[in-house]
Structures are given as structure tokens and as C-alpha cells.
C-alpha atoms as a PDB file:
ATOM      1  CA  MET A   1       0.000   0.000   0.000  1.00  0.00           C
ATOM      2  CA  SER A   2       1.307   3.440  -0.842  1.00  0.00           C
ATOM      3  CA  PRO A   3       1.639   6.113   1.887  1.00  0.00           C
ATOM      4  CA  LEU A   4      -1.270   8.159   0.542  1.00  0.00           C
ATOM      5  CA  PRO A   5      -4.065   5.567   1.101  1.00  0.00           C
ATOM      6  CA  ARG A   6      -2.760   4.906   4.643  1.00  0.00           C
ATOM      7  CA  HIS A   7      -3.167   8.581   5.535  1.00  0.00           C
ATOM      8  CA  ALA A   8      -6.616   8.614   4.000  1.00  0.00           C
ATOM      9  CA  ALA A   9      -7.692   5.608   6.058  1.00  0.00           C
ATOM     10  CA  LEU A  10      -6.535   7.271   9.287  1.00  0.00           C
ATOM     11  CA  ALA A  11      -8.441  10.414   8.403  1.00  0.00           C
ATOM     12  CA  ALA A  12     -11.578   8.420   7.682  1.00  0.00           C
ATOM     13  CA  LEU A  13     -11.342   6.631  11.010  1.00  0.00           C
ATOM     14  CA  ALA A  14     -10.996   9.936  12.798  1.00  0.00           C
ATOM     15  CA  LEU A  15     -14.008  11.397  11.021  1.00  0.00           C
ATOM     16  CA  VAL A  16     -16.119   8.367  11.899  1.00  0.00           C
ATOM     17  CA  ALA A  17     -15.014   8.471  15.540  1.00  0.00           C
ATOM     18  CA  LEU A  18     -16.061  12.066  16.031  1.00  0.00           C
ATOM     19  CA  PRO A  19     -19.789  11.543  15.480  1.00  0.00           C
ATOM     20  CA  LEU A  20     -19.733   8.389  17.586  1.00  0.00           C
ATOM     21  CA  ALA A  21     -18.123  10.233  20.479  1.00  0.00           C
ATOM     22  CA  ALA A  22     -20.613  13.030  20.184  1.00  0.00           C
ATOM     23  CA  CYS A  23     -23.445  10.555  20.685  1.00  0.00           C
ATOM     24  CA  GLN A  24     -22.136   9.411  24.100  1.00  0.00           C
ATOM     25  CA  PRO A  25     -24.239  10.693  27.069  1.00  0.00           C
ATOM     26  CA  ALA A  26     -22.568  13.527  29.016  1.00  0.00           C
ATOM     27  CA  ALA A  27     -21.295  12.640  32.510  1.00  0.00           C
ATOM     28  CA  GLU A  28     -23.304  14.167  35.315  1.00  0.00           C
ATOM     29  CA  PRO A  29     -21.392  16.772  37.383  1.00  0.00           C
ATOM     30  CA  ALA A  30     -20.535  15.766  40.930  1.00  0.00           C
ATOM     31  CA  PRO A  31     -22.812  17.349  43.501  1.00  0.00           C
ATOM     32  CA  THR A  32     -21.381  20.422  45.168  1.00  0.00           C
ATOM     33  CA  PRO A  33     -20.768  19.878  48.897  1.00  0.00           C
ATOM     34  CA  LYS A  34     -22.888  21.991  51.215  1.00  0.00           C
ATOM     35  CA  PHE A  35     -21.107  23.850  54.002  1.00  0.00           C
ATOM     36  CA  PRO A  36     -22.337  26.376  56.565  1.00  0.00           C
ATOM     37  CA  SER A  37     -21.858  30.028  55.678  1.00  0.00           C
ATOM     38  CA  CYS A  38     -19.092  30.346  58.297  1.00  0.00           C
ATOM     39  CA  VAL A  39     -16.794  28.002  56.315  1.00  0.00           C
ATOM     40  CA  ALA A  40     -14.152  30.000  54.459  1.00  0.00           C
ATOM     41  CA  PHE A  41     -12.075  27.170  52.957  1.00  0.00           C
ATOM     42  CA  ALA A  42     -12.802  23.485  52.257  1.00  0.00           C
ATOM     43  CA  LEU A  43     -10.236  20.695  52.088  1.00  0.00           C
ATOM     44  CA  ASP A  44     -12.649  18.103  50.677  1.00  0.00           C
ATOM     45  CA  GLU A  45     -16.360  17.355  50.750  1.00  0.00           C
ATOM     46  CA  ARG A  46     -16.175  16.668  54.511  1.00  0.00           C
ATOM     47  CA  ILE A  47     -13.720  19.135  56.047  1.00  0.00           C
ATOM     48  CA  GLY A  48     -14.339  22.867  56.075  1.00  0.00           C
ATOM     49  CA  ILE A  49     -12.191  25.516  57.743  1.00  0.00           C
ATOM     50  CA  GLU A  50     -14.271  28.143  59.488  1.00  0.00           C
ATOM     51  CA  GLY A  51     -13.511  31.814  59.132  1.00  0.00           C
ATOM     52  CA  HIS A  52     -13.187  32.509  62.846  1.00  0.00           C
ATOM     53  CA  GLU A  53     -10.298  30.015  63.083  1.00  0.00           C
ATOM     54  CA  ILE A  54      -8.418  31.940  60.401  1.00  0.00           C
ATOM     55  CA  ASP A  55      -9.198  35.254  62.081  1.00  0.00           C
ATOM     56  CA  GLU A  56      -7.893  34.017  65.447  1.00  0.00           C
ATOM     57  CA  ALA A  57      -4.609  32.916  63.878  1.00  0.00           C
ATOM     58  CA  SER A  58      -4.260  36.167  61.914  1.00  0.00           C
ATOM     59  CA  VAL A  59      -4.054  38.086  65.216  1.00  0.00           C
ATOM     60  CA  TYR A  60      -0.673  36.486  65.893  1.00  0.00           C
ATOM     61  CA  VAL A  61       0.489  36.920  62.293  1.00  0.00           C
ATOM     62  CA  GLU A  62      -0.287  40.642  62.531  1.00  0.00           C
ATOM     63  CA  ARG A  63       2.348  41.007  65.259  1.00  0.00           C
ATOM     64  CA  LEU A  64       4.942  39.897  62.711  1.00  0.00           C
ATOM     65  CA  GLU A  65       3.439  41.741  59.728  1.00  0.00           C
ATOM     66  CA  PRO A  66       1.804  44.878  61.169  1.00  0.00           C
ATOM     67  CA  ALA A  67       1.750  46.642  57.776  1.00  0.00           C
ATOM     68  CA  ALA A  68      -0.105  43.818  55.975  1.00  0.00           C
ATOM     69  CA  SER A  69      -3.717  44.253  54.928  1.00  0.00           C
ATOM     70  CA  PRO A  70      -6.441  42.234  56.689  1.00  0.00           C
ATOM     71  CA  ALA A  71      -6.911  40.046  53.598  1.00  0.00           C
ATOM     72  CA  HIS A  72      -3.186  39.315  53.381  1.00  0.00           C
ATOM     73  CA  LEU A  73      -3.050  38.530  57.098  1.00  0.00           C
ATOM     74  CA  ARG A  74      -5.816  35.977  56.643  1.00  0.00           C
ATOM     75  CA  ARG A  75      -3.977  34.402  53.720  1.00  0.00           C
ATOM     76  CA  LEU A  76      -0.787  34.136  55.771  1.00  0.00           C
ATOM     77  CA  ALA A  77      -2.671  32.678  58.733  1.00  0.00           C
ATOM     78  CA  LEU A  78      -4.393  30.138  56.490  1.00  0.00           C
ATOM     79  CA  THR A  79      -1.278  28.930  54.674  1.00  0.00           C
ATOM     80  CA  ASN A  80       1.168  29.002  57.622  1.00  0.00           C
ATOM     81  CA  ILE A  81      -0.985  27.897  60.571  1.00  0.00           C
ATOM     82  CA  VAL A  82      -4.534  26.738  59.888  1.00  0.00           C
ATOM     83  CA  LEU A  83      -4.244  24.722  56.670  1.00  0.00           C
ATOM     84  CA  PRO A  84      -1.213  22.600  57.759  1.00  0.00           C
ATOM     85  CA  ARG A  85      -2.987  21.904  61.036  1.00  0.00           C
ATOM     86  CA  HIS A  86      -6.097  20.570  59.284  1.00  0.00           C
ATOM     87  CA  VAL A  87      -4.071  18.476  56.846  1.00  0.00           C
ATOM     88  CA  ALA A  88      -2.345  16.803  59.819  1.00  0.00           C
ATOM     89  CA  ARG A  89      -5.773  16.004  61.277  1.00  0.00           C
ATOM     90  CA  LEU A  90      -6.823  14.317  58.031  1.00  0.00           C
ATOM     91  CA  LEU A  91      -3.679  12.201  57.854  1.00  0.00           C
ATOM     92  CA  ALA A  92      -4.127  10.653  61.323  1.00  0.00           C
ATOM     93  CA  PRO A  93      -7.613  11.336  62.709  1.00  0.00           C
ATOM     94  CA  GLU A  94      -7.524   8.703  65.484  1.00  0.00           C
ATOM     95  CA  ALA A  95      -4.073   9.728  66.729  1.00  0.00           C
ATOM     96  CA  HIS A  96      -5.186  13.354  66.594  1.00  0.00           C
ATOM     97  CA  ALA A  97      -8.252  12.689  68.746  1.00  0.00           C
ATOM     98  CA  LYS A  98      -6.231  10.750  71.341  1.00  0.00           C
ATOM     99  CA  ALA A  99      -3.467  13.362  71.527  1.00  0.00           C
ATOM    100  CA  LYS A 100      -6.033  16.131  71.929  1.00  0.00           C
ATOM    101  CA  ALA A 101      -7.783  14.291  74.778  1.00  0.00           C
ATOM    102  CA  ASP A 102      -4.433  13.660  76.532  1.00  0.00           C
ATOM    103  CA  ALA A 103      -3.434  17.309  76.176  1.00  0.00           C
ATOM    104  CA  GLU A 104      -6.726  18.564  77.580  1.00  0.00           C
ATOM    105  CA  ALA A 105      -6.437  16.178  80.537  1.00  0.00           C
ATOM    106  CA  LEU A 106      -2.906  17.405  81.176  1.00  0.00           C
ATOM    107  CA  ARG A 107      -4.069  21.032  81.001  1.00  0.00           C
ATOM    108  CA  GLY A 108      -6.747  20.328  83.573  1.00  0.00           C
ATOM    109  CA  ALA A 109      -4.286  18.647  85.940  1.00  0.00           C
ATOM    110  CA  LEU A 110      -1.810  21.510  85.626  1.00  0.00           C
ATOM    111  CA  ALA A 111      -4.448  24.147  86.260  1.00  0.00           C
ATOM    112  CA  ALA A 112      -5.823  22.242  89.268  1.00  0.00           C
ATOM    113  CA  GLY A 113      -2.364  21.553  90.717  1.00  0.00           C
ATOM    114  CA  THR A 114      -2.873  17.778  90.574  1.00  0.00           C
ATOM    115  CA  TYR A 115      -0.150  17.024  88.023  1.00  0.00           C
ATOM    116  CA  THR A 116       1.921  14.021  89.152  1.00  0.00           C
ATOM    117  CA  GLY A 117       4.321  13.694  86.219  1.00  0.00           C
ATOM    118  CA  PRO A 118       8.113  14.062  86.288  1.00  0.00           C
ATOM    119  CA  VAL A 119       9.410  17.291  87.806  1.00  0.00           C
ATOM    120  CA  ARG A 120      13.039  18.439  87.836  1.00  0.00           C
ATOM    121  CA  ALA A 121      14.954  19.313  90.992  1.00  0.00           C
ATOM    122  CA  ASP A 122      14.445  23.048  90.341  1.00  0.00           C
ATOM    123  CA  GLY A 123      10.674  22.548  90.068  1.00  0.00           C
ATOM    124  CA  SER A 124      10.469  22.908  86.289  1.00  0.00           C
ATOM    125  CA  MET A 125       8.732  20.402  84.045  1.00  0.00           C
ATOM    126  CA  GLY A 126       8.600  19.701  80.351  1.00  0.00           C
ATOM    127  CA  GLU A 127      10.864  21.462  77.858  1.00  0.00           C
ATOM    128  CA  VAL A 128      12.164  24.949  78.583  1.00  0.00           C
ATOM    129  CA  VAL A 129      12.462  27.026  75.392  1.00  0.00           C
ATOM    130  CA  GLU A 130      13.628  30.631  75.200  1.00  0.00           C
ATOM    131  CA  GLY A 131      13.428  32.873  72.184  1.00  0.00           C
ATOM    132  CA  GLY A 132      11.051  34.536  69.786  1.00  0.00           C
ATOM    133  CA  PHE A 133       8.676  33.244  67.134  1.00  0.00           C
ATOM    134  CA  SER A 134      11.463  31.557  65.172  1.00  0.00           C
ATOM    135  CA  GLU A 135      12.326  29.350  68.174  1.00  0.00           C
ATOM    136  CA  LEU A 136       8.826  28.806  69.585  1.00  0.00           C
ATOM    137  CA  GLY A 137       6.680  28.982  66.463  1.00  0.00           C
ATOM    138  CA  ILE A 138       4.200  31.705  65.564  1.00  0.00           C
ATOM    139  CA  LEU A 139       1.260  30.351  67.534  1.00  0.00           C
ATOM    140  CA  PRO A 140       3.038  29.441  70.829  1.00  0.00           C
ATOM    141  CA  TRP A 141       4.986  32.703  70.699  1.00  0.00           C
ATOM    142  CA  GLY A 142       1.827  34.741  70.233  1.00  0.00           C
ATOM    143  CA  VAL A 143       0.033  32.914  73.029  1.00  0.00           C
ATOM    144  CA  ALA A 144       3.015  33.314  75.382  1.00  0.00           C
ATOM    145  CA  LEU A 145       3.038  37.076  74.828  1.00  0.00           C
ATOM    146  CA  ASP A 146      -0.502  37.323  76.198  1.00  0.00           C
ATOM    147  CA  LEU A 147       0.121  35.135  79.264  1.00  0.00           C
ATOM    148  CA  ALA A 148       1.069  36.417  82.695  1.00  0.00           C
ATOM    149  CA  ASP A 149       4.205  34.982  84.282  1.00  0.00           C
ATOM    150  CA  GLY A 150       3.376  31.584  85.798  1.00  0.00           C
ATOM    151  CA  GLU A 151       0.030  31.266  83.985  1.00  0.00           C
ATOM    152  CA  TRP A 152      -0.826  28.115  82.011  1.00  0.00           C
ATOM    153  CA  SER A 153      -2.162  28.471  78.484  1.00  0.00           C
ATOM    154  CA  GLU A 154      -5.038  26.619  76.931  1.00  0.00           C
ATOM    155  CA  VAL A 155      -4.177  23.640  74.735  1.00  0.00           C
ATOM    156  CA  ILE A 156      -2.347  24.843  71.628  1.00  0.00           C
ATOM    157  CA  GLU A 157      -2.638  22.730  68.491  1.00  0.00           C
ATOM    158  CA  GLU A 158       0.134  22.895  65.928  1.00  0.00           C
ATOM    159  CA  VAL A 159       0.963  20.604  63.008  1.00  0.00           C
ATOM    160  CA  GLY A 160       0.651  17.093  64.420  1.00  0.00           C
ATOM    161  CA  THR A 161       1.258  18.088  68.036  1.00  0.00           C
ATOM    162  CA  PHE A 162      -0.367  19.682  71.074  1.00  0.00           C
ATOM    163  CA  ALA A 163       1.275  21.846  73.717  1.00  0.00           C
ATOM    164  CA  VAL A 164       0.459  23.569  76.993  1.00  0.00           C
ATOM    165  CA  LEU A 165       2.630  26.576  77.834  1.00  0.00           C
ATOM    166  CA  ARG A 166       3.525  28.444  80.988  1.00  0.00           C
ATOM    167  CA  ARG A 167       5.428  31.675  80.628  1.00  0.00           C
ATOM    168  CA  VAL A 168       8.339  31.743  83.036  1.00  0.00           C
ATOM    169  CA  ALA A 169       9.416  35.306  82.294  1.00  0.00           C
ATOM    170  CA  ARG A 170       9.456  37.785  79.468  1.00  0.00           C
ATOM    171  CA  THR A 171      12.761  39.304  78.428  1.00  0.00           C
ATOM    172  CA  GLU A 172      13.649  42.031  75.992  1.00  0.00           C
ATOM    173  CA  ARG A 173      15.759  41.354  72.948  1.00  0.00           C
ATOM    174  CA  ALA A 174      19.482  41.848  73.376  1.00  0.00           C
ATOM    175  CA  SER A 175      19.491  44.600  70.750  1.00  0.00           C
ATOM    176  CA  VAL A 176      16.889  46.607  72.710  1.00  0.00           C
ATOM    177  CA  ILE A 177      18.933  46.313  75.906  1.00  0.00           C
ATOM    178  CA  VAL A 178      22.089  47.467  74.132  1.00  0.00           C
ATOM    179  CA  VAL A 179      20.388  50.444  72.486  1.00  0.00           C
ATOM    180  CA  TRP A 180      19.082  51.740  75.813  1.00  0.00           C
ATOM    181  CA  PHE A 181      22.388  51.055  77.547  1.00  0.00           C
ATOM    182  CA  GLN A 182      24.316  53.002  74.927  1.00  0.00           C
ATOM    183  CA  ALA A 183      21.737  55.813  74.947  1.00  0.00           C
ATOM    184  CA  PHE A 184      22.000  56.309  78.704  1.00  0.00           C
ATOM    185  CA  SER A 185      25.801  56.065  78.549  1.00  0.00           C
ATOM    186  CA  ALA A 186      25.921  58.728  75.844  1.00  0.00           C
ATOM    187  CA  ALA A 187      23.550  60.975  77.811  1.00  0.00           C
ATOM    188  CA  ALA A 188      25.689  60.620  80.955  1.00  0.00           C
ATOM    189  CA  ALA A 189      28.860  61.406  79.006  1.00  0.00           C
ATOM    190  CA  LEU A 190      27.255  64.447  77.385  1.00  0.00           C
ATOM    191  CA  GLY A 191      26.008  65.680  80.760  1.00  0.00           C
ATOM    192  CA  ALA A 192      29.471  65.336  82.272  1.00  0.00           C
ATOM    193  CA  LEU A 193      30.957  67.186  79.298  1.00  0.00           C
ATOM    194  CA  LEU A 194      28.528  70.085  79.600  1.00  0.00           C
ATOM    195  CA  LEU A 195      28.495  70.370  83.368  1.00  0.00           C
ATOM    196  CA  GLY A 196      31.951  69.163  84.381  1.00  0.00           C
ATOM    197  CA  PRO A 197      34.574  71.873  84.944  1.00  0.00           C
ATOM    198  CA  GLY A 198      37.487  71.927  82.526  1.00  0.00           C
ATOM    199  CA  LEU A 199      36.182  69.145  80.248  1.00  0.00           C
ATOM    200  CA  GLU A 200      36.574  69.625  76.507  1.00  0.00           C
ATOM    201  CA  LEU A 201      35.785  67.706  73.351  1.00  0.00           C
ATOM    202  CA  ALA A 202      38.503  65.395  72.118  1.00  0.00           C
ATOM    203  CA  PRO A 203      40.490  66.607  69.110  1.00  0.00           C
ATOM    204  CA  THR A 204      39.001  65.665  65.756  1.00  0.00           C
ATOM    205  CA  ARG A 205      42.053  63.590  64.860  1.00  0.00           C
ATOM    206  CA  VAL A 206      41.109  60.970  67.465  1.00  0.00           C
ATOM    207  CA  TRP A 207      37.418  60.833  66.546  1.00  0.00           C
ATOM    208  CA  PRO A 208      37.805  57.814  64.192  1.00  0.00           C
ATOM    209  CA  ALA A 209      39.479  55.857  66.982  1.00  0.00           C
ATOM    210  CA  LEU A 210      36.757  56.864  69.441  1.00  0.00           C
ATOM    211  CA  ILE A 211      34.005  55.881  66.990  1.00  0.00           C
ATOM    212  CA  GLY A 212      35.679  52.509  66.467  1.00  0.00           C
ATOM    213  CA  ALA A 213      35.915  52.015  70.225  1.00  0.00           C
ATOM    214  CA  GLY A 214      32.230  52.881  70.570  1.00  0.00           C
ATOM    215  CA  LEU A 215      31.215  50.372  67.898  1.00  0.00           C
ATOM    216  CA  CYS A 216      33.318  47.652  69.512  1.00  0.00           C
ATOM    217  CA  SER A 217      31.742  48.484  72.866  1.00  0.00           C
ATOM    218  CA  ALA A 218      28.229  48.195  71.396  1.00  0.00           C
ATOM    219  CA  LEU A 219      29.016  44.855  69.757  1.00  0.00           C
ATOM    220  CA  GLY A 220      30.539  43.554  72.972  1.00  0.00           C
ATOM    221  CA  GLN A 221      27.516  44.646  74.981  1.00  0.00           C
ATOM    222  CA  LEU A 222      25.217  42.986  72.442  1.00  0.00           C
ATOM    223  CA  ALA A 223      27.115  39.693  72.706  1.00  0.00           C
ATOM    224  CA  LEU A 224      27.166  39.909  76.503  1.00  0.00           C
ATOM    225  CA  SER A 225      23.421  40.590  76.767  1.00  0.00           C
ATOM    226  CA  ARG A 226      22.637  37.710  74.448  1.00  0.00           C
ATOM    227  CA  ALA A 227      24.929  35.405  76.430  1.00  0.00           C
ATOM    228  CA  TYR A 228      23.087  36.234  79.672  1.00  0.00           C
ATOM    229  CA  GLN A 229      19.800  35.357  77.925  1.00  0.00           C
ATOM    230  CA  LEU A 230      21.078  31.991  76.716  1.00  0.00           C
ATOM    231  CA  GLU A 231      23.143  30.807  79.687  1.00  0.00           C
ATOM    232  CA  ALA A 232      23.181  30.977  83.469  1.00  0.00           C
ATOM    233  CA  ALA A 233      24.540  34.232  84.868  1.00  0.00           C
ATOM    234  CA  ALA A 234      27.300  32.495  86.847  1.00  0.00           C
ATOM    235  CA  SER A 235      28.682  30.786  83.750  1.00  0.00           C
ATOM    236  CA  VAL A 236      28.603  33.968  81.688  1.00  0.00           C
ATOM    237  CA  ALA A 237      30.247  35.982  84.446  1.00  0.00           C
ATOM    238  CA  GLY A 238      32.962  33.363  84.778  1.00  0.00           C
ATOM    239  CA  ALA A 239      33.678  33.407  81.048  1.00  0.00           C
ATOM    240  CA  GLY A 240      33.622  37.197  81.043  1.00  0.00           C
ATOM    241  CA  ALA A 241      36.358  37.261  83.676  1.00  0.00           C
ATOM    242  CA  VAL A 242      38.941  36.602  80.960  1.00  0.00           C
ATOM    243  CA  GLY A 243      38.186  40.052  79.539  1.00  0.00           C
ATOM    244  CA  PRO A 244      41.170  41.653  81.316  1.00  0.00           C
ATOM    245  CA  LEU A 245      43.442  39.153  79.584  1.00  0.00           C
ATOM    246  CA  PHE A 246      42.377  40.422  76.170  1.00  0.00           C
ATOM    247  CA  GLY A 247      42.863  43.975  77.388  1.00  0.00           C
ATOM    248  CA  LEU A 248      46.395  43.116  78.447  1.00  0.00           C
ATOM    249  CA  LEU A 249      47.188  41.575  75.052  1.00  0.00           C
ATOM    250  CA  LEU A 250      45.838  44.601  73.191  1.00  0.00           C
ATOM    251  CA  ASP A 251      47.800  46.901  75.468  1.00  0.00           C
ATOM    252  CA  LEU A 252      50.992  45.043  74.628  1.00  0.00           C
ATOM    253  CA  TRP A 253      50.213  44.956  70.894  1.00  0.00           C
ATOM    254  CA  LEU A 254      49.052  48.534  70.381  1.00  0.00           C
ATOM    255  CA  PHE A 255      51.002  50.477  72.992  1.00  0.00           C
ATOM    256  CA  ASP A 256      53.866  48.158  73.926  1.00  0.00           C
ATOM    257  CA  HIS A 257      52.995  48.694  77.571  1.00  0.00           C
ATOM    258  CA  LEU A 258      53.465  46.209  80.403  1.00  0.00           C
ATOM    259  CA  PRO A 259      51.265  46.602  83.507  1.00  0.00           C
ATOM    260  CA  GLY A 260      52.718  46.980  86.974  1.00  0.00           C
ATOM    261  CA  PRO A 261      52.670  44.368  89.785  1.00  0.00           C
ATOM    262  CA  LEU A 262      49.443  45.687  91.277  1.00  0.00           C
ATOM    263  CA  ILE A 263      47.554  45.253  87.972  1.00  0.00           C
ATOM    264  CA  TRP A 264      48.988  41.743  87.538  1.00  0.00           C
ATOM    265  CA  THR A 265      47.778  40.781  91.007  1.00  0.00           C
ATOM    266  CA  GLY A 266      44.301  42.209  90.559  1.00  0.00           C
ATOM    267  CA  GLY A 267      43.903  40.619  87.135  1.00  0.00           C
ATOM    268  CA  ALA A 268      44.978  37.222  88.463  1.00  0.00           C
ATOM    269  CA  LEU A 269      42.430  37.428  91.288  1.00  0.00           C
ATOM    270  CA  VAL A 270      39.615  38.348  88.903  1.00  0.00           C
ATOM    271  CA  ILE A 271      40.442  35.564  86.440  1.00  0.00           C
ATOM    272  CA  ALA A 272      40.889  32.983  89.201  1.00  0.00           C
ATOM    273  CA  SER A 273      37.573  33.826  90.876  1.00  0.00           C
ATOM    274  CA  GLY A 274      35.696  33.763  87.559  1.00  0.00           C
ATOM    275  CA  THR A 275      37.254  30.457  86.544  1.00  0.00           C
ATOM    276  CA  LEU A 276      36.424  28.894  89.926  1.00  0.00           C
ATOM    277  CA  LEU A 277      32.840  30.088  89.638  1.00  0.00           C
ATOM    278  CA  ALA A 278      32.458  28.612  86.165  1.00  0.00           C
ATOM    279  CA  VAL A 279      34.018  25.277  87.188  1.00  0.00           C
ATOM    280  CA  ARG A 280      31.784  24.948  90.271  1.00  0.00           C
ATOM    281  CA  LYS A 281      28.705  25.783  88.203  1.00  0.00           C
ATOM    282  CA  ALA A 282      29.612  23.141  85.628  1.00  0.00           C
END
């Protein structure tokens, strides 16, 4: 057979198939699921996410995105908090129900003071986490901000897990502490300069060195404040006792100056006491 008749046969088959397909009965559309008017988003024909749940989560998102519009806040709350939570429920409904019941029973025991689980020697229980929303998660962080110190939260549901929080204490960020510390230090120095007799501004030729010293001081204060937030005060103070050693090394390097016997003795006492404190704490 030549190529031309083969192409003609294929075309004829296609033309015959078109009318036959057109005669097939159209498939009936699937019925549209019915949900209450409060449902804002549906996962399938059974699960609907209510609008108030999205609105409650958007309150915490707004603290991170205060300039966002209400519609954008709801979108962020839906995609970052509410939707993943509902998907986890669908994946393991029985485990979800059991975990929720256990968490609510634990919350009741904690609130009533009848909790009999493991308690550490210092009286703490569970996991102690310190930080902001990146360490705690958006929802626990937002809930913790609204709690009073020592108050237990309601049961918090995240993706595949439940938690009950108690805020131990609220601390400022290290950067905020440093800014206020430097502001008060600058105000005190300016007051002494204006009111102190015989005090004058330093010559302009040393201003770059003074600015560099100020920046190093701010960075050091920032690191120190953050260290006190992350570790026990005794350990941080012990590690900070080696500060005079670095001062001595810089003094030798920059000014070729050796301290006298009195400075050696005082520095040794400070370093020894700080080291002993750190060792005993460990």
C-alpha cells in the first residue's frame, strides 16, 4: 500500500469516531458539597475551615506583619498555621483525637495543681524554650506574649502536636537592651561634658578611633546581653572574667605597655575567681 491511502484511512477513522463520540451521554457533574456560611475554605467534601479560626490565627500573624492588609493577614494565617494543622488532622484522625484528649487532661491537671508527672529538681517540668517566634513557632509565641508569668495556656494545636505553655518570664531582645544602655551612657557622658569643669571635646584627629571604640563596645555589649539570655549568669560571668586578659594583650600589641605588679595581682584574682565560679557551676 502506498503512503497516501494509509493517511486517507486514518483520516476516515478519525471522522467516523467524532460523530460516535458526540453521541455518548454527558457525565453528570458531581454534587457540590454543602457547608455552613461560616466556612471560608474546604479541604474536601467533609472538612471545612471556618472563618473565625483563620481570624484568630491572623491576630498572631499581625504582630509579625503589622503593615499587611487584613486580607493578606488571613492568607498568611491560612497557609502558615490553619491549613497545615487541618491536613495533619486528616492524615491521622484517630491519633489526633487521642493526643487532643491527653493534652486537655494534662491542662486540667496543671491548672488544678494535681499534676503528678516528672518534675526536675528546680521545680520545672517539660521542655524549657527561650526565644522569639522563630524558636517557639508563631502560635506558641503569640500565646506566650498574652500570658502572665506563671500562667498556664489553653491547649495549643500545631501541626501534628499539642502543647500547653507556661510563661516563666518575658525578656527584651538583646538589641533593645544594648540600644538603651548606649543611649544612657551617651547621655551621661554628654552631661558630664557640659556640666563638668574643665572638660573639653577630644580633638578631631582621634574621633575615628573613638568611633571605632564605641562600635566595639556596642558589639561587645550585644554579645554579653545575648549570652546572659542563653546561659546561666554564673557561667557567663565566669567566662567574662577573661576580659582583662584580652585587654592586656591589646595593650601590649598597640602600645607596647606592660602593667605593673598591682595590675597583675588584681587581674589574676579576677580571672581565678571567675574560673572557679564557672568550674563549680559546671
